[in-house]
Amino acid sequence: MTILTMFILGSFTIPMRVATTPASMLWLLPLVVTISVVYKATKVGRMRLWSFAKESAVLFGSILVFIVVAALILYGLAWIATGQLPSLLSGSTF
């Protein structure tokens, strides 16, 4: 093996640090665009620019909506599981 090959293979053993800030979630958008374009490119029989762009945009939007809904549901379940809801319900509102 050459030095370059060993360096490339060795770099996969070190985990990449991924932040958990809301700004780091913006990296999700290029991934969703890529998934929707590649998926539509493999499914269409005849590619026309306008219909391909429209179908890719619809798929992009539906994937993004699904991810947001799933994140909100998981956030709500985590909120309930950590005991935030019982303490909220036991307090008086007056």
C-alpha atoms as a PDB file:
ATOM      1  CA  MET A   1       0.000   0.000   0.000  1.00  0.00           C
ATOM      2  CA  THR A   2       1.124   3.490  -0.672  1.00  0.00           C
ATOM      3  CA  ILE A   3       1.372   6.202   1.945  1.00  0.00           C
ATOM      4  CA  LEU A   4      -1.627   8.044   0.463  1.00  0.00           C
ATOM      5  CA  THR A   5      -3.806   4.930   0.599  1.00  0.00           C
ATOM      6  CA  MET A   6      -2.823   4.263   4.212  1.00  0.00           C
ATOM      7  CA  PHE A   7      -3.598   7.883   5.130  1.00  0.00           C
ATOM      8  CA  ILE A   8      -7.033   7.752   3.503  1.00  0.00           C
ATOM      9  CA  LEU A   9      -7.913   4.437   5.134  1.00  0.00           C
ATOM     10  CA  GLY A  10      -6.564   5.625   8.484  1.00  0.00           C
ATOM     11  CA  SER A  11      -8.684   8.757   8.424  1.00  0.00           C
ATOM     12  CA  PHE A  12     -11.861   6.652   8.529  1.00  0.00           C
ATOM     13  CA  THR A  13     -10.935   5.280  11.947  1.00  0.00           C
ATOM     14  CA  ILE A  14     -11.122   8.692  13.613  1.00  0.00           C
ATOM     15  CA  PRO A  15     -14.722   9.749  14.284  1.00  0.00           C
ATOM     16  CA  MET A  16     -15.745  13.116  12.952  1.00  0.00           C
ATOM     17  CA  ARG A  17     -17.065  15.528  15.556  1.00  0.00           C
ATOM     18  CA  VAL A  18     -20.573  16.650  14.690  1.00  0.00           C
ATOM     19  CA  ALA A  19     -22.054  19.508  16.666  1.00  0.00           C
ATOM     20  CA  THR A  20     -25.605  19.325  17.965  1.00  0.00           C
ATOM     21  CA  THR A  21     -26.457  22.967  17.510  1.00  0.00           C
ATOM     22  CA  PRO A  22     -29.450  24.079  15.450  1.00  0.00           C
ATOM     23  CA  ALA A  23     -27.082  25.583  12.880  1.00  0.00           C
ATOM     24  CA  SER A  24     -25.450  22.192  12.319  1.00  0.00           C
ATOM     25  CA  MET A  25     -28.831  20.797  11.302  1.00  0.00           C
ATOM     26  CA  LEU A  26     -28.592  22.943   8.160  1.00  0.00           C
ATOM     27  CA  TRP A  27     -26.223  20.298   6.799  1.00  0.00           C
ATOM     28  CA  LEU A  28     -29.351  18.198   6.413  1.00  0.00           C
ATOM     29  CA  LEU A  29     -30.586  20.327   3.506  1.00  0.00           C
ATOM     30  CA  PRO A  30     -27.885  19.410   0.939  1.00  0.00           C
ATOM     31  CA  LEU A  31     -28.309  15.773   1.888  1.00  0.00           C
ATOM     32  CA  VAL A  32     -32.081  15.912   1.332  1.00  0.00           C
ATOM     33  CA  VAL A  33     -31.598  17.714  -2.008  1.00  0.00           C
ATOM     34  CA  THR A  34     -29.145  15.053  -3.131  1.00  0.00           C
ATOM     35  CA  ILE A  35     -31.431  12.210  -2.062  1.00  0.00           C
ATOM     36  CA  SER A  36     -34.458  13.690  -3.824  1.00  0.00           C
ATOM     37  CA  VAL A  37     -32.603  14.441  -7.080  1.00  0.00           C
ATOM     38  CA  VAL A  38     -30.892  11.057  -7.271  1.00  0.00           C
ATOM     39  CA  TYR A  39     -34.096   9.199  -6.386  1.00  0.00           C
ATOM     40  CA  LYS A  40     -36.106  11.034  -9.031  1.00  0.00           C
ATOM     41  CA  ALA A  41     -33.329  10.571 -11.588  1.00  0.00           C
ATOM     42  CA  THR A  42     -33.519   6.810 -11.130  1.00  0.00           C
ATOM     43  CA  LYS A  43     -37.333   6.692 -11.283  1.00  0.00           C
ATOM     44  CA  VAL A  44     -38.244   8.828 -14.281  1.00  0.00           C
ATOM     45  CA  GLY A  45     -38.429   7.249 -17.717  1.00  0.00           C
ATOM     46  CA  ARG A  46     -38.042  10.461 -19.687  1.00  0.00           C
ATOM     47  CA  MET A  47     -36.321  13.422 -18.169  1.00  0.00           C
ATOM     48  CA  ARG A  48     -37.681  16.872 -18.900  1.00  0.00           C
ATOM     49  CA  LEU A  49     -36.202  19.780 -17.001  1.00  0.00           C
ATOM     50  CA  TRP A  50     -39.400  21.389 -15.708  1.00  0.00           C
ATOM     51  CA  SER A  51     -41.165  18.201 -14.623  1.00  0.00           C
ATOM     52  CA  PHE A  52     -37.975  16.758 -13.129  1.00  0.00           C
ATOM     53  CA  ALA A  53     -37.307  19.933 -11.120  1.00  0.00           C
ATOM     54  CA  LYS A  54     -40.933  20.090  -9.967  1.00  0.00           C
ATOM     55  CA  GLU A  55     -41.029  16.452  -8.874  1.00  0.00           C
ATOM     56  CA  SER A  56     -37.660  16.779  -7.119  1.00  0.00           C
ATOM     57  CA  ALA A  57     -38.861  19.886  -5.288  1.00  0.00           C
ATOM     58  CA  VAL A  58     -42.042  18.121  -4.164  1.00  0.00           C
ATOM     59  CA  LEU A  59     -40.023  15.155  -2.904  1.00  0.00           C
ATOM     60  CA  PHE A  60     -37.584  17.528  -1.161  1.00  0.00           C
ATOM     61  CA  GLY A  61     -40.469  19.275   0.589  1.00  0.00           C
ATOM     62  CA  SER A  62     -42.169  16.061   1.631  1.00  0.00           C
ATOM     63  CA  ILE A  63     -38.940  14.605   3.057  1.00  0.00           C
ATOM     64  CA  LEU A  64     -38.272  17.840   4.930  1.00  0.00           C
ATOM     65  CA  VAL A  65     -41.822  17.965   6.352  1.00  0.00           C
ATOM     66  CA  PHE A  66     -41.545  14.344   7.468  1.00  0.00           C
ATOM     67  CA  ILE A  67     -38.221  15.024   9.206  1.00  0.00           C
ATOM     68  CA  VAL A  68     -39.629  18.079  11.013  1.00  0.00           C
ATOM     69  CA  VAL A  69     -42.756  16.186  12.131  1.00  0.00           C
ATOM     70  CA  ALA A  70     -40.658  13.237  13.333  1.00  0.00           C
ATOM     71  CA  ALA A  71     -38.332  15.603  15.230  1.00  0.00           C
ATOM     72  CA  LEU A  72     -41.274  17.329  16.924  1.00  0.00           C
ATOM     73  CA  ILE A  73     -42.820  14.016  17.946  1.00  0.00           C
ATOM     74  CA  LEU A  74     -39.516  12.771  19.342  1.00  0.00           C
ATOM     75  CA  TYR A  75     -38.977  16.061  21.157  1.00  0.00           C
ATOM     76  CA  GLY A  76     -42.430  15.776  22.716  1.00  0.00           C
ATOM     77  CA  LEU A  77     -41.817  12.186  23.792  1.00  0.00           C
ATOM     78  CA  ALA A  78     -38.485  13.145  25.326  1.00  0.00           C
ATOM     79  CA  TRP A  79     -40.167  16.042  27.120  1.00  0.00           C
ATOM     80  CA  ILE A  80     -42.771  13.704  28.596  1.00  0.00           C
ATOM     81  CA  ALA A  81     -40.209  11.025  29.468  1.00  0.00           C
ATOM     82  CA  THR A  82     -37.949  13.412  31.377  1.00  0.00           C
ATOM     83  CA  GLY A  83     -40.727  14.390  33.741  1.00  0.00           C
ATOM     84  CA  GLN A  84     -41.445  17.889  32.498  1.00  0.00           C
ATOM     85  CA  LEU A  85     -45.131  17.239  31.911  1.00  0.00           C
ATOM     86  CA  PRO A  86     -46.013  15.884  35.410  1.00  0.00           C
ATOM     87  CA  SER A  87     -44.386  18.877  37.115  1.00  0.00           C
ATOM     88  CA  LEU A  88     -46.251  21.191  34.757  1.00  0.00           C
ATOM     89  CA  LEU A  89     -49.596  19.549  35.489  1.00  0.00           C
ATOM     90  CA  SER A  90     -49.128  19.453  39.270  1.00  0.00           C
ATOM     91  CA  GLY A  91     -48.585  23.218  39.565  1.00  0.00           C
ATOM     92  CA  SER A  92     -51.491  25.586  39.981  1.00  0.00           C
ATOM     93  CA  THR A  93     -52.190  28.066  37.197  1.00  0.00           C
ATOM     94  CA  PHE A  94     -53.667  30.671  39.564  1.00  0.00           C
END
